[in-house]
Amino acid sequence: MNRLLLNTALWAFAVSLALAPVFIAAFRHLRWGQTIREEGPTRHLKKAGTPTMGGIVFLLAALTVSLALAPLSTELFLVILLTAGNGFIGFVDDYLKVVRRRSLGLKARSKLLGQAALVAAFFLVWRGLGYSTVVTVPFTGLEWDLGILYLPFLVFFVIGFTNAVNLTDGIDGLAAGSAILAFLAYLLVAAMQGLYDLAHFSAAMIGATFAFLVYNLHPARVFMGDVGSLALGGALAAMAVLTKTELFLVIIGGVFVLETLSVIIQVIIFQLTGKRVFRMSPLHHHFELGGRGEWQVVTGFWAVGFILALVGLMQLGAF
């Protein structure tokens, strides 16, 4: 089985690596370039015009290879539903911003309604498979049956995590590398539980995203865009729900959680006191403005992500 999972990862890597130059060239020709916020770090202004929507590359590669090589199951189609569905919402958002030049992209209400509809469809099928509404609390071993509250919890969980990955995607290679570490953890979790369909999916996401990272490392030749970040968030959230490790994703994907908390803290404290806790949020910008280079910030966050993934796996009894 280990050899089969490696084969899946390698195929996804090869397909993604082959697609990337083609799509990057197409994006350049179509002038689908990133617009950089003026209020961000000034060093980022030189990135304006870098091709975006590169998430299409690893999304196509991972989904194609998963369907070709993974054992087909309802669970596999469920994880693909949240991955591709959120990716499509992200694509529409990117298209409106980049191609139609609508600065705010897809309206927040439309985005949230679309994501909520995806979660509702996921929940109906998932519940029909007999999954429990019990969630386990890390570090305590306590179990909590949410009952009818599980659906609103799931909506908040999926939307929250997709947006957490989206917030993290603000510096070359950070979101992609952090996602790879989380998928590595979930490959092990799925394999431990005998869910080889999900293990193959994780392997495909690792291989495809790693190939994308070749072009996304600083200085990035392509950005993933919302199509990539929302898809990654949806995929990780789906993996957590299908392996019944919902709250453990808060640890395994801790980098994304920390980035989101930094934004929440910054907004709340500023509204209450008029002062800023961080030089700029999300958190990676705080370190950038403190004089750290992009590569230093990214590798530091990857190291934190690696440690958090290990902690999450230890809590799940993987070691």
C-alpha atoms as a PDB file:
ATOM      1  CA  MET A   1       0.000   0.000   0.000  1.00  0.00           C
ATOM      2  CA  ASN A   2       2.883   2.385   0.788  1.00  0.00           C
ATOM      3  CA  ARG A   3       4.204   1.842  -2.752  1.00  0.00           C
ATOM      4  CA  LEU A   4       0.757   2.573  -4.203  1.00  0.00           C
ATOM      5  CA  LEU A   5       0.489   5.804  -2.217  1.00  0.00           C
ATOM      6  CA  LEU A   6       3.949   6.848  -3.394  1.00  0.00           C
ATOM      7  CA  ASN A   7       2.907   6.064  -6.959  1.00  0.00           C
ATOM      8  CA  THR A   8      -0.142   8.308  -6.574  1.00  0.00           C
ATOM      9  CA  ALA A   9       1.967  11.152  -5.195  1.00  0.00           C
ATOM     10  CA  LEU A  10       4.531  10.826  -7.992  1.00  0.00           C
ATOM     11  CA  TRP A  11       1.887  10.781 -10.720  1.00  0.00           C
ATOM     12  CA  ALA A  12       0.212  13.869  -9.256  1.00  0.00           C
ATOM     13  CA  PHE A  13       3.610  15.578  -9.009  1.00  0.00           C
ATOM     14  CA  ALA A  14       4.430  14.763 -12.635  1.00  0.00           C
ATOM     15  CA  VAL A  15       1.057  15.920 -13.975  1.00  0.00           C
ATOM     16  CA  SER A  16       1.155  19.152 -11.965  1.00  0.00           C
ATOM     17  CA  LEU A  17       4.768  19.826 -12.953  1.00  0.00           C
ATOM     18  CA  ALA A  18       3.892  19.344 -16.625  1.00  0.00           C
ATOM     19  CA  LEU A  19       0.775  21.525 -16.487  1.00  0.00           C
ATOM     20  CA  ALA A  20       2.336  24.437 -14.603  1.00  0.00           C
ATOM     21  CA  PRO A  21       4.454  25.977 -17.436  1.00  0.00           C
ATOM     22  CA  VAL A  22       1.530  25.689 -19.854  1.00  0.00           C
ATOM     23  CA  PHE A  23      -0.880  27.467 -17.527  1.00  0.00           C
ATOM     24  CA  ILE A  24       1.672  30.086 -16.457  1.00  0.00           C
ATOM     25  CA  ALA A  25       2.300  30.954 -20.113  1.00  0.00           C
ATOM     26  CA  ALA A  26      -1.443  31.105 -20.766  1.00  0.00           C
ATOM     27  CA  PHE A  27      -2.035  33.345 -17.750  1.00  0.00           C
ATOM     28  CA  ARG A  28       0.731  35.690 -18.920  1.00  0.00           C
ATOM     29  CA  HIS A  29      -0.765  35.827 -22.402  1.00  0.00           C
ATOM     30  CA  LEU A  30      -4.218  36.573 -20.975  1.00  0.00           C
ATOM     31  CA  ARG A  31      -2.697  39.072 -18.517  1.00  0.00           C
ATOM     32  CA  TRP A  32      -4.263  37.352 -15.548  1.00  0.00           C
ATOM     33  CA  GLY A  33      -1.902  39.000 -13.088  1.00  0.00           C
ATOM     34  CA  GLN A  34      -2.106  39.626  -9.367  1.00  0.00           C
ATOM     35  CA  THR A  35      -3.057  43.052  -8.027  1.00  0.00           C
ATOM     36  CA  ILE A  36      -1.067  43.963  -4.919  1.00  0.00           C
ATOM     37  CA  ARG A  37      -2.674  45.845  -2.020  1.00  0.00           C
ATOM     38  CA  GLU A  38      -1.035  49.234  -1.489  1.00  0.00           C
ATOM     39  CA  GLU A  39      -1.426  48.921   2.290  1.00  0.00           C
ATOM     40  CA  GLY A  40       0.704  45.768   2.324  1.00  0.00           C
ATOM     41  CA  PRO A  41       4.512  45.614   2.680  1.00  0.00           C
ATOM     42  CA  THR A  42       6.085  47.850   0.020  1.00  0.00           C
ATOM     43  CA  ARG A  43       8.424  45.065  -1.124  1.00  0.00           C
ATOM     44  CA  HIS A  44       5.338  43.209  -2.402  1.00  0.00           C
ATOM     45  CA  LEU A  45       4.499  45.931  -4.923  1.00  0.00           C
ATOM     46  CA  LYS A  46       7.066  44.515  -7.366  1.00  0.00           C
ATOM     47  CA  LYS A  47       4.985  41.315  -7.491  1.00  0.00           C
ATOM     48  CA  ALA A  48       2.169  43.103  -9.301  1.00  0.00           C
ATOM     49  CA  GLY A  49       1.303  41.332 -12.552  1.00  0.00           C
ATOM     50  CA  THR A  50       2.597  37.918 -11.448  1.00  0.00           C
ATOM     51  CA  PRO A  51       0.252  35.290 -12.936  1.00  0.00           C
ATOM     52  CA  THR A  52      -2.410  34.149 -10.496  1.00  0.00           C
ATOM     53  CA  MET A  53      -5.080  31.422 -10.345  1.00  0.00           C
ATOM     54  CA  GLY A  54      -2.277  28.841 -10.375  1.00  0.00           C
ATOM     55  CA  GLY A  55      -4.305  26.719  -7.979  1.00  0.00           C
ATOM     56  CA  ILE A  56      -6.040  25.403 -11.088  1.00  0.00           C
ATOM     57  CA  VAL A  57      -2.829  23.504 -11.841  1.00  0.00           C
ATOM     58  CA  PHE A  58      -2.544  21.426  -8.675  1.00  0.00           C
ATOM     59  CA  LEU A  59      -6.318  21.106  -8.380  1.00  0.00           C
ATOM     60  CA  LEU A  60      -6.646  19.541 -11.843  1.00  0.00           C
ATOM     61  CA  ALA A  61      -3.651  17.277 -11.256  1.00  0.00           C
ATOM     62  CA  ALA A  62      -4.742  16.070  -7.815  1.00  0.00           C
ATOM     63  CA  LEU A  63      -8.364  15.440  -8.728  1.00  0.00           C
ATOM     64  CA  THR A  64      -7.518  13.671 -11.999  1.00  0.00           C
ATOM     65  CA  VAL A  65      -4.937  11.377 -10.403  1.00  0.00           C
ATOM     66  CA  SER A  66      -7.199  10.684  -7.406  1.00  0.00           C
ATOM     67  CA  LEU A  67     -10.043   9.568  -9.635  1.00  0.00           C
ATOM     68  CA  ALA A  68      -7.671   7.454 -11.723  1.00  0.00           C
ATOM     69  CA  LEU A  69      -5.699   5.738  -8.958  1.00  0.00           C
ATOM     70  CA  ALA A  70      -7.602   5.938  -5.661  1.00  0.00           C
ATOM     71  CA  PRO A  71     -10.215   3.334  -4.678  1.00  0.00           C
ATOM     72  CA  LEU A  72     -13.532   4.908  -5.682  1.00  0.00           C
ATOM     73  CA  SER A  73     -15.894   5.473  -2.766  1.00  0.00           C
ATOM     74  CA  THR A  74     -18.557   7.834  -1.512  1.00  0.00           C
ATOM     75  CA  GLU A  75     -15.995   9.316   0.894  1.00  0.00           C
ATOM     76  CA  LEU A  76     -13.655  10.079  -2.001  1.00  0.00           C
ATOM     77  CA  PHE A  77     -16.420  11.892  -3.863  1.00  0.00           C
ATOM     78  CA  LEU A  78     -17.307  13.807  -0.688  1.00  0.00           C
ATOM     79  CA  VAL A  79     -13.769  15.107  -0.230  1.00  0.00           C
ATOM     80  CA  ILE A  80     -13.678  15.999  -3.926  1.00  0.00           C
ATOM     81  CA  LEU A  81     -17.006  17.821  -3.528  1.00  0.00           C
ATOM     82  CA  LEU A  82     -15.644  20.189  -0.872  1.00  0.00           C
ATOM     83  CA  THR A  83     -12.296  20.548  -2.650  1.00  0.00           C
ATOM     84  CA  ALA A  84     -13.566  21.218  -6.172  1.00  0.00           C
ATOM     85  CA  GLY A  85     -16.633  23.123  -4.965  1.00  0.00           C
ATOM     86  CA  ASN A  86     -14.597  25.578  -2.921  1.00  0.00           C
ATOM     87  CA  GLY A  87     -12.062  25.762  -5.728  1.00  0.00           C
ATOM     88  CA  PHE A  88     -14.834  26.767  -8.153  1.00  0.00           C
ATOM     89  CA  ILE A  89     -16.060  29.489  -5.780  1.00  0.00           C
ATOM     90  CA  GLY A  90     -12.477  30.723  -5.515  1.00  0.00           C
ATOM     91  CA  PHE A  91     -12.135  30.675  -9.309  1.00  0.00           C
ATOM     92  CA  VAL A  92     -15.242  32.846  -9.745  1.00  0.00           C
ATOM     93  CA  ASP A  93     -13.853  35.251  -7.135  1.00  0.00           C
ATOM     94  CA  ASP A  94     -10.468  35.386  -8.900  1.00  0.00           C
ATOM     95  CA  TYR A  95     -12.073  35.774 -12.326  1.00  0.00           C
ATOM     96  CA  LEU A  96     -14.152  38.747 -11.228  1.00  0.00           C
ATOM     97  CA  LYS A  97     -11.134  40.428  -9.621  1.00  0.00           C
ATOM     98  CA  VAL A  98      -8.504  39.669 -12.240  1.00  0.00           C
ATOM     99  CA  VAL A  99     -10.409  39.497 -15.527  1.00  0.00           C
ATOM    100  CA  ARG A 100     -13.458  41.672 -14.892  1.00  0.00           C
ATOM    101  CA  ARG A 101     -11.426  44.075 -12.718  1.00  0.00           C
ATOM    102  CA  ARG A 102     -14.026  44.031  -9.949  1.00  0.00           C
ATOM    103  CA  SER A 103     -11.795  44.898  -6.989  1.00  0.00           C
ATOM    104  CA  LEU A 104     -13.805  43.048  -4.338  1.00  0.00           C
ATOM    105  CA  GLY A 105     -14.490  40.022  -6.520  1.00  0.00           C
ATOM    106  CA  LEU A 106     -17.391  37.814  -5.535  1.00  0.00           C
ATOM    107  CA  LYS A 107     -19.675  39.423  -2.972  1.00  0.00           C
ATOM    108  CA  ALA A 108     -19.142  38.066   0.537  1.00  0.00           C
ATOM    109  CA  ARG A 109     -22.788  37.041   0.816  1.00  0.00           C
ATOM    110  CA  SER A 110     -22.649  35.077  -2.442  1.00  0.00           C
ATOM    111  CA  LYS A 111     -19.420  33.375  -1.393  1.00  0.00           C
ATOM    112  CA  LEU A 112     -20.782  32.377   2.008  1.00  0.00           C
ATOM    113  CA  LEU A 113     -24.068  31.123   0.546  1.00  0.00           C
ATOM    114  CA  GLY A 114     -22.190  29.038  -2.006  1.00  0.00           C
ATOM    115  CA  GLN A 115     -19.947  27.513   0.635  1.00  0.00           C
ATOM    116  CA  ALA A 116     -22.877  26.869   2.981  1.00  0.00           C
ATOM    117  CA  ALA A 117     -24.745  25.067   0.173  1.00  0.00           C
ATOM    118  CA  LEU A 118     -21.696  22.874  -0.439  1.00  0.00           C
ATOM    119  CA  VAL A 119     -21.462  22.003   3.251  1.00  0.00           C
ATOM    120  CA  ALA A 120     -25.183  21.207   3.422  1.00  0.00           C
ATOM    121  CA  ALA A 121     -24.895  18.808   0.454  1.00  0.00           C
ATOM    122  CA  PHE A 122     -21.799  17.244   2.013  1.00  0.00           C
ATOM    123  CA  PHE A 123     -23.581  16.854   5.367  1.00  0.00           C
ATOM    124  CA  LEU A 124     -26.646  15.128   3.896  1.00  0.00           C
ATOM    125  CA  VAL A 125     -24.563  12.446   2.182  1.00  0.00           C
ATOM    126  CA  TRP A 126     -22.091  12.167   5.073  1.00  0.00           C
ATOM    127  CA  ARG A 127     -24.888  11.684   7.611  1.00  0.00           C
ATOM    128  CA  GLY A 128     -26.517   9.109   5.345  1.00  0.00           C
ATOM    129  CA  LEU A 129     -23.328   7.058   5.563  1.00  0.00           C
ATOM    130  CA  GLY A 130     -23.895   6.728   9.320  1.00  0.00           C
ATOM    131  CA  TYR A 131     -21.167   9.036  10.595  1.00  0.00           C
ATOM    132  CA  SER A 132     -21.437  10.193  14.195  1.00  0.00           C
ATOM    133  CA  THR A 133     -21.996  13.799  15.287  1.00  0.00           C
ATOM    134  CA  VAL A 134     -19.569  13.274  18.178  1.00  0.00           C
ATOM    135  CA  VAL A 135     -16.410  15.370  18.190  1.00  0.00           C
ATOM    136  CA  THR A 136     -13.335  14.571  20.280  1.00  0.00           C
ATOM    137  CA  VAL A 137     -11.581  17.365  22.162  1.00  0.00           C
ATOM    138  CA  PRO A 138      -7.758  17.191  21.827  1.00  0.00           C
ATOM    139  CA  PHE A 139      -5.582  16.915  24.966  1.00  0.00           C
ATOM    140  CA  THR A 140      -8.607  15.861  27.052  1.00  0.00           C
ATOM    141  CA  GLY A 141     -10.032  12.745  25.425  1.00  0.00           C
ATOM    142  CA  LEU A 142     -13.479  14.198  26.055  1.00  0.00           C
ATOM    143  CA  GLU A 143     -16.192  13.469  23.514  1.00  0.00           C
ATOM    144  CA  TRP A 144     -19.044  15.839  22.806  1.00  0.00           C
ATOM    145  CA  ASP A 145     -22.125  14.846  20.826  1.00  0.00           C
ATOM    146  CA  LEU A 146     -23.257  17.969  18.991  1.00  0.00           C
ATOM    147  CA  GLY A 147     -26.435  16.352  17.664  1.00  0.00           C
ATOM    148  CA  ILE A 148     -28.463  18.871  15.636  1.00  0.00           C
ATOM    149  CA  LEU A 149     -25.767  21.471  16.269  1.00  0.00           C
ATOM    150  CA  TYR A 150     -23.298  19.527  14.134  1.00  0.00           C
ATOM    151  CA  LEU A 151     -24.514  21.099  10.869  1.00  0.00           C
ATOM    152  CA  PRO A 152     -23.983  24.727  11.985  1.00  0.00           C
ATOM    153  CA  PHE A 153     -20.673  23.612  13.503  1.00  0.00           C
ATOM    154  CA  LEU A 154     -19.712  22.066  10.155  1.00  0.00           C
ATOM    155  CA  VAL A 155     -20.652  25.211   8.225  1.00  0.00           C
ATOM    156  CA  PHE A 156     -18.526  27.337  10.563  1.00  0.00           C
ATOM    157  CA  PHE A 157     -15.691  24.794  10.519  1.00  0.00           C
ATOM    158  CA  VAL A 158     -15.417  24.502   6.722  1.00  0.00           C
ATOM    159  CA  ILE A 159     -15.919  28.186   5.936  1.00  0.00           C
ATOM    160  CA  GLY A 160     -13.573  29.174   8.744  1.00  0.00           C
ATOM    161  CA  PHE A 161     -10.793  26.875   7.615  1.00  0.00           C
ATOM    162  CA  THR A 162     -11.047  27.724   3.917  1.00  0.00           C
ATOM    163  CA  ASN A 163     -10.742  31.392   4.800  1.00  0.00           C
ATOM    164  CA  ALA A 164      -7.857  30.636   7.167  1.00  0.00           C
ATOM    165  CA  VAL A 165      -5.869  29.117   4.287  1.00  0.00           C
ATOM    166  CA  ASN A 166      -6.862  32.085   2.138  1.00  0.00           C
ATOM    167  CA  LEU A 167      -5.457  34.514   4.728  1.00  0.00           C
ATOM    168  CA  THR A 168      -2.209  32.542   4.892  1.00  0.00           C
ATOM    169  CA  ASP A 169      -1.694  32.830   1.139  1.00  0.00           C
ATOM    170  CA  GLY A 170       0.002  36.213   1.286  1.00  0.00           C
ATOM    171  CA  ILE A 171       3.656  35.348   0.872  1.00  0.00           C
ATOM    172  CA  ASP A 172       5.464  33.105  -1.620  1.00  0.00           C
ATOM    173  CA  GLY A 173       5.213  29.406  -0.770  1.00  0.00           C
ATOM    174  CA  LEU A 174       3.703  29.815   2.698  1.00  0.00           C
ATOM    175  CA  ALA A 175       0.210  28.409   2.133  1.00  0.00           C
ATOM    176  CA  ALA A 176       1.317  25.659  -0.257  1.00  0.00           C
ATOM    177  CA  GLY A 177       4.122  24.402   1.995  1.00  0.00           C
ATOM    178  CA  SER A 178       1.969  24.536   5.128  1.00  0.00           C
ATOM    179  CA  ALA A 179      -0.799  22.612   3.346  1.00  0.00           C
ATOM    180  CA  ILE A 180       1.649  19.900   2.260  1.00  0.00           C
ATOM    181  CA  LEU A 181       2.643  19.336   5.897  1.00  0.00           C
ATOM    182  CA  ALA A 182      -1.012  19.058   6.945  1.00  0.00           C
ATOM    183  CA  PHE A 183      -1.774  16.626   4.104  1.00  0.00           C
ATOM    184  CA  LEU A 184       1.219  14.509   5.106  1.00  0.00           C
ATOM    185  CA  ALA A 185      -0.307  14.216   8.571  1.00  0.00           C
ATOM    186  CA  TYR A 186      -3.699  13.301   7.148  1.00  0.00           C
ATOM    187  CA  LEU A 187      -2.206  10.731   4.809  1.00  0.00           C
ATOM    188  CA  LEU A 188      -0.885   8.972   7.913  1.00  0.00           C
ATOM    189  CA  VAL A 189      -4.206   9.379   9.781  1.00  0.00           C
ATOM    190  CA  ALA A 190      -6.230   7.993   6.867  1.00  0.00           C
ATOM    191  CA  ALA A 191      -3.845   5.057   6.415  1.00  0.00           C
ATOM    192  CA  MET A 192      -3.989   4.273  10.150  1.00  0.00           C
ATOM    193  CA  GLN A 193      -7.781   4.149   9.931  1.00  0.00           C
ATOM    194  CA  GLY A 194      -7.714   1.955   6.820  1.00  0.00           C
ATOM    195  CA  LEU A 195      -9.253   4.731   4.704  1.00  0.00           C
ATOM    196  CA  TYR A 196      -7.039   4.176   1.698  1.00  0.00           C
ATOM    197  CA  ASP A 197      -9.304   6.151  -0.619  1.00  0.00           C
ATOM    198  CA  LEU A 198      -8.614   9.243   1.503  1.00  0.00           C
ATOM    199  CA  ALA A 199      -4.948   8.316   1.883  1.00  0.00           C
ATOM    200  CA  HIS A 200      -4.599   8.264  -1.914  1.00  0.00           C
ATOM    201  CA  PHE A 201      -6.349  11.626  -2.116  1.00  0.00           C
ATOM    202  CA  SER A 202      -3.907  13.082   0.428  1.00  0.00           C
ATOM    203  CA  ALA A 203      -0.985  11.626  -1.524  1.00  0.00           C
ATOM    204  CA  ALA A 204      -2.294  13.206  -4.726  1.00  0.00           C
ATOM    205  CA  MET A 205      -2.694  16.588  -3.035  1.00  0.00           C
ATOM    206  CA  ILE A 206       0.836  16.360  -1.631  1.00  0.00           C
ATOM    207  CA  GLY A 207       2.393  15.514  -4.998  1.00  0.00           C
ATOM    208  CA  ALA A 208       0.404  18.070  -6.984  1.00  0.00           C
ATOM    209  CA  THR A 209       0.926  20.902  -4.484  1.00  0.00           C
ATOM    210  CA  PHE A 210       4.641  20.101  -4.161  1.00  0.00           C
ATOM    211  CA  ALA A 211       5.063  20.473  -7.922  1.00  0.00           C
ATOM    212  CA  PHE A 212       3.196  23.796  -7.783  1.00  0.00           C
ATOM    213  CA  LEU A 213       5.528  24.872  -4.983  1.00  0.00           C
ATOM    214  CA  VAL A 214       8.446  24.601  -7.416  1.00  0.00           C
ATOM    215  CA  TYR A 215       6.965  27.623  -9.224  1.00  0.00           C
ATOM    216  CA  ASN A 216       5.538  29.311  -6.132  1.00  0.00           C
ATOM    217  CA  LEU A 217       8.700  29.608  -4.032  1.00  0.00           C
ATOM    218  CA  HIS A 218      10.225  33.075  -3.665  1.00  0.00           C
ATOM    219  CA  PRO A 219      10.424  34.763  -6.073  1.00  0.00           C
ATOM    220  CA  ALA A 220       7.105  33.238  -7.147  1.00  0.00           C
ATOM    221  CA  ARG A 221       6.420  32.766 -10.849  1.00  0.00           C
ATOM    222  CA  VAL A 222       2.751  32.097 -10.130  1.00  0.00           C
ATOM    223  CA  PHE A 223       0.308  32.581  -7.262  1.00  0.00           C
ATOM    224  CA  MET A 224      -2.395  30.064  -6.360  1.00  0.00           C
ATOM    225  CA  GLY A 225      -5.190  32.614  -6.027  1.00  0.00           C
ATOM    226  CA  ASP A 226      -8.454  31.989  -4.222  1.00  0.00           C
ATOM    227  CA  VAL A 227      -9.112  28.991  -6.469  1.00  0.00           C
ATOM    228  CA  GLY A 228      -6.128  27.305  -4.833  1.00  0.00           C
ATOM    229  CA  SER A 229      -6.405  28.498  -1.243  1.00  0.00           C
ATOM    230  CA  LEU A 230     -10.134  27.795  -0.892  1.00  0.00           C
ATOM    231  CA  ALA A 231      -9.679  24.361  -2.475  1.00  0.00           C
ATOM    232  CA  LEU A 232      -6.858  23.487  -0.061  1.00  0.00           C
ATOM    233  CA  GLY A 233      -8.920  24.633   2.913  1.00  0.00           C
ATOM    234  CA  GLY A 234     -11.945  22.674   1.755  1.00  0.00           C
ATOM    235  CA  ALA A 235      -9.859  19.550   1.214  1.00  0.00           C
ATOM    236  CA  LEU A 236      -8.273  19.675   4.675  1.00  0.00           C
ATOM    237  CA  ALA A 237     -11.616  20.353   6.352  1.00  0.00           C
ATOM    238  CA  ALA A 238     -13.180  17.412   4.502  1.00  0.00           C
ATOM    239  CA  MET A 239     -10.300  15.131   5.515  1.00  0.00           C
ATOM    240  CA  ALA A 240     -10.768  16.121   9.154  1.00  0.00           C
ATOM    241  CA  VAL A 241     -14.513  15.450   9.085  1.00  0.00           C
ATOM    242  CA  LEU A 242     -14.227  12.125   7.235  1.00  0.00           C
ATOM    243  CA  THR A 243     -11.534  10.853   9.632  1.00  0.00           C
ATOM    244  CA  LYS A 244     -13.502  12.188  12.631  1.00  0.00           C
ATOM    245  CA  THR A 245     -10.597  14.389  13.723  1.00  0.00           C
ATOM    246  CA  GLU A 246     -12.367  17.717  13.326  1.00  0.00           C
ATOM    247  CA  LEU A 247     -10.815  19.580  16.247  1.00  0.00           C
ATOM    248  CA  PHE A 248      -7.408  17.999  15.681  1.00  0.00           C
ATOM    249  CA  LEU A 249      -7.177  19.996  12.451  1.00  0.00           C
ATOM    250  CA  VAL A 250      -6.875  23.077  14.658  1.00  0.00           C
ATOM    251  CA  ILE A 251      -3.517  21.630  15.764  1.00  0.00           C
ATOM    252  CA  ILE A 252      -2.381  19.938  12.546  1.00  0.00           C
ATOM    253  CA  GLY A 253      -3.273  23.031  10.536  1.00  0.00           C
ATOM    254  CA  GLY A 254      -2.197  25.315  13.356  1.00  0.00           C
ATOM    255  CA  VAL A 255      -0.323  27.743  11.096  1.00  0.00           C
ATOM    256  CA  PHE A 256      -3.575  28.636   9.360  1.00  0.00           C
ATOM    257  CA  VAL A 257      -5.313  29.038  12.721  1.00  0.00           C
ATOM    258  CA  LEU A 258      -2.567  31.316  14.071  1.00  0.00           C
ATOM    259  CA  GLU A 259      -2.760  33.493  10.967  1.00  0.00           C
ATOM    260  CA  THR A 260      -6.516  33.862  11.409  1.00  0.00           C
ATOM    261  CA  LEU A 261      -6.264  34.577  15.134  1.00  0.00           C
ATOM    262  CA  SER A 262      -3.754  37.344  14.429  1.00  0.00           C
ATOM    263  CA  VAL A 263      -6.302  39.078  12.178  1.00  0.00           C
ATOM    264  CA  ILE A 264      -9.110  38.679  14.728  1.00  0.00           C
ATOM    265  CA  ILE A 265      -6.938  39.968  17.584  1.00  0.00           C
ATOM    266  CA  GLN A 266      -5.696  42.898  15.513  1.00  0.00           C
ATOM    267  CA  VAL A 267      -9.218  43.990  14.567  1.00  0.00           C
ATOM    268  CA  ILE A 268     -10.699  43.618  18.056  1.00  0.00           C
ATOM    269  CA  ILE A 269      -7.868  45.395  19.887  1.00  0.00           C
ATOM    270  CA  PHE A 270      -7.731  48.208  17.331  1.00  0.00           C
ATOM    271  CA  GLN A 271     -11.488  48.805  17.587  1.00  0.00           C
ATOM    272  CA  LEU A 272     -11.336  48.819  21.395  1.00  0.00           C
ATOM    273  CA  THR A 273      -8.134  50.817  21.943  1.00  0.00           C
ATOM    274  CA  GLY A 274      -7.066  52.294  18.606  1.00  0.00           C
ATOM    275  CA  LYS A 275      -3.739  50.477  18.972  1.00  0.00           C
ATOM    276  CA  ARG A 276      -2.246  47.587  16.995  1.00  0.00           C
ATOM    277  CA  VAL A 277      -0.893  44.407  18.548  1.00  0.00           C
ATOM    278  CA  PHE A 278       0.973  43.450  15.359  1.00  0.00           C
ATOM    279  CA  ARG A 279       2.798  45.657  12.877  1.00  0.00           C
ATOM    280  CA  MET A 280       0.396  44.252  10.298  1.00  0.00           C
ATOM    281  CA  SER A 281      -1.847  41.208  10.083  1.00  0.00           C
ATOM    282  CA  PRO A 282      -1.977  38.390   9.063  1.00  0.00           C
ATOM    283  CA  LEU A 283       0.939  37.315  11.230  1.00  0.00           C
ATOM    284  CA  HIS A 284       3.452  36.723   8.414  1.00  0.00           C
ATOM    285  CA  HIS A 285       3.348  40.456   7.560  1.00  0.00           C
ATOM    286  CA  HIS A 286       4.245  41.288  11.181  1.00  0.00           C
ATOM    287  CA  PHE A 287       7.537  39.435  10.795  1.00  0.00           C
ATOM    288  CA  GLU A 288       8.157  40.840   7.329  1.00  0.00           C
ATOM    289  CA  LEU A 289       7.816  44.403   8.618  1.00  0.00           C
ATOM    290  CA  GLY A 290      10.132  43.446  11.464  1.00  0.00           C
ATOM    291  CA  GLY A 291      12.936  43.039   8.918  1.00  0.00           C
ATOM    292  CA  ARG A 292      12.729  39.310   8.164  1.00  0.00           C
ATOM    293  CA  GLY A 293      13.101  38.216   4.548  1.00  0.00           C
ATOM    294  CA  GLU A 294      10.334  36.254   2.871  1.00  0.00           C
ATOM    295  CA  TRP A 295      12.334  33.030   2.876  1.00  0.00           C
ATOM    296  CA  GLN A 296      13.075  33.398   6.605  1.00  0.00           C
ATOM    297  CA  VAL A 297       9.406  33.939   7.409  1.00  0.00           C
ATOM    298  CA  VAL A 298       8.225  31.050   5.240  1.00  0.00           C
ATOM    299  CA  THR A 299      10.729  28.507   6.551  1.00  0.00           C
ATOM    300  CA  GLY A 300      10.030  29.603  10.122  1.00  0.00           C
ATOM    301  CA  PHE A 301       6.303  29.083   9.638  1.00  0.00           C
ATOM    302  CA  TRP A 302       6.935  25.714   7.955  1.00  0.00           C
ATOM    303  CA  ALA A 303       8.957  24.659  11.009  1.00  0.00           C
ATOM    304  CA  VAL A 304       6.077  25.642  13.295  1.00  0.00           C
ATOM    305  CA  GLY A 305       3.655  23.799  11.008  1.00  0.00           C
ATOM    306  CA  PHE A 306       5.813  20.666  11.125  1.00  0.00           C
ATOM    307  CA  ILE A 307       5.933  20.700  14.927  1.00  0.00           C
ATOM    308  CA  LEU A 308       2.187  21.291  15.214  1.00  0.00           C
ATOM    309  CA  ALA A 309       1.472  18.449  12.787  1.00  0.00           C
ATOM    310  CA  LEU A 310       3.586  16.131  14.947  1.00  0.00           C
ATOM    311  CA  VAL A 311       1.766  17.271  18.092  1.00  0.00           C
ATOM    312  CA  GLY A 312      -1.581  16.589  16.410  1.00  0.00           C
ATOM    313  CA  LEU A 313      -0.449  13.130  15.321  1.00  0.00           C
ATOM    314  CA  MET A 314       0.811  12.360  18.816  1.00  0.00           C
ATOM    315  CA  GLN A 315      -2.589  13.302  20.226  1.00  0.00           C
ATOM    316  CA  LEU A 316      -4.156  10.883  17.747  1.00  0.00           C
ATOM    317  CA  GLY A 317      -1.829   8.102  18.900  1.00  0.00           C
ATOM    318  CA  ALA A 318       0.212   7.942  15.708  1.00  0.00           C
ATOM    319  CA  PHE A 319       3.435   7.772  17.737  1.00  0.00           C
END
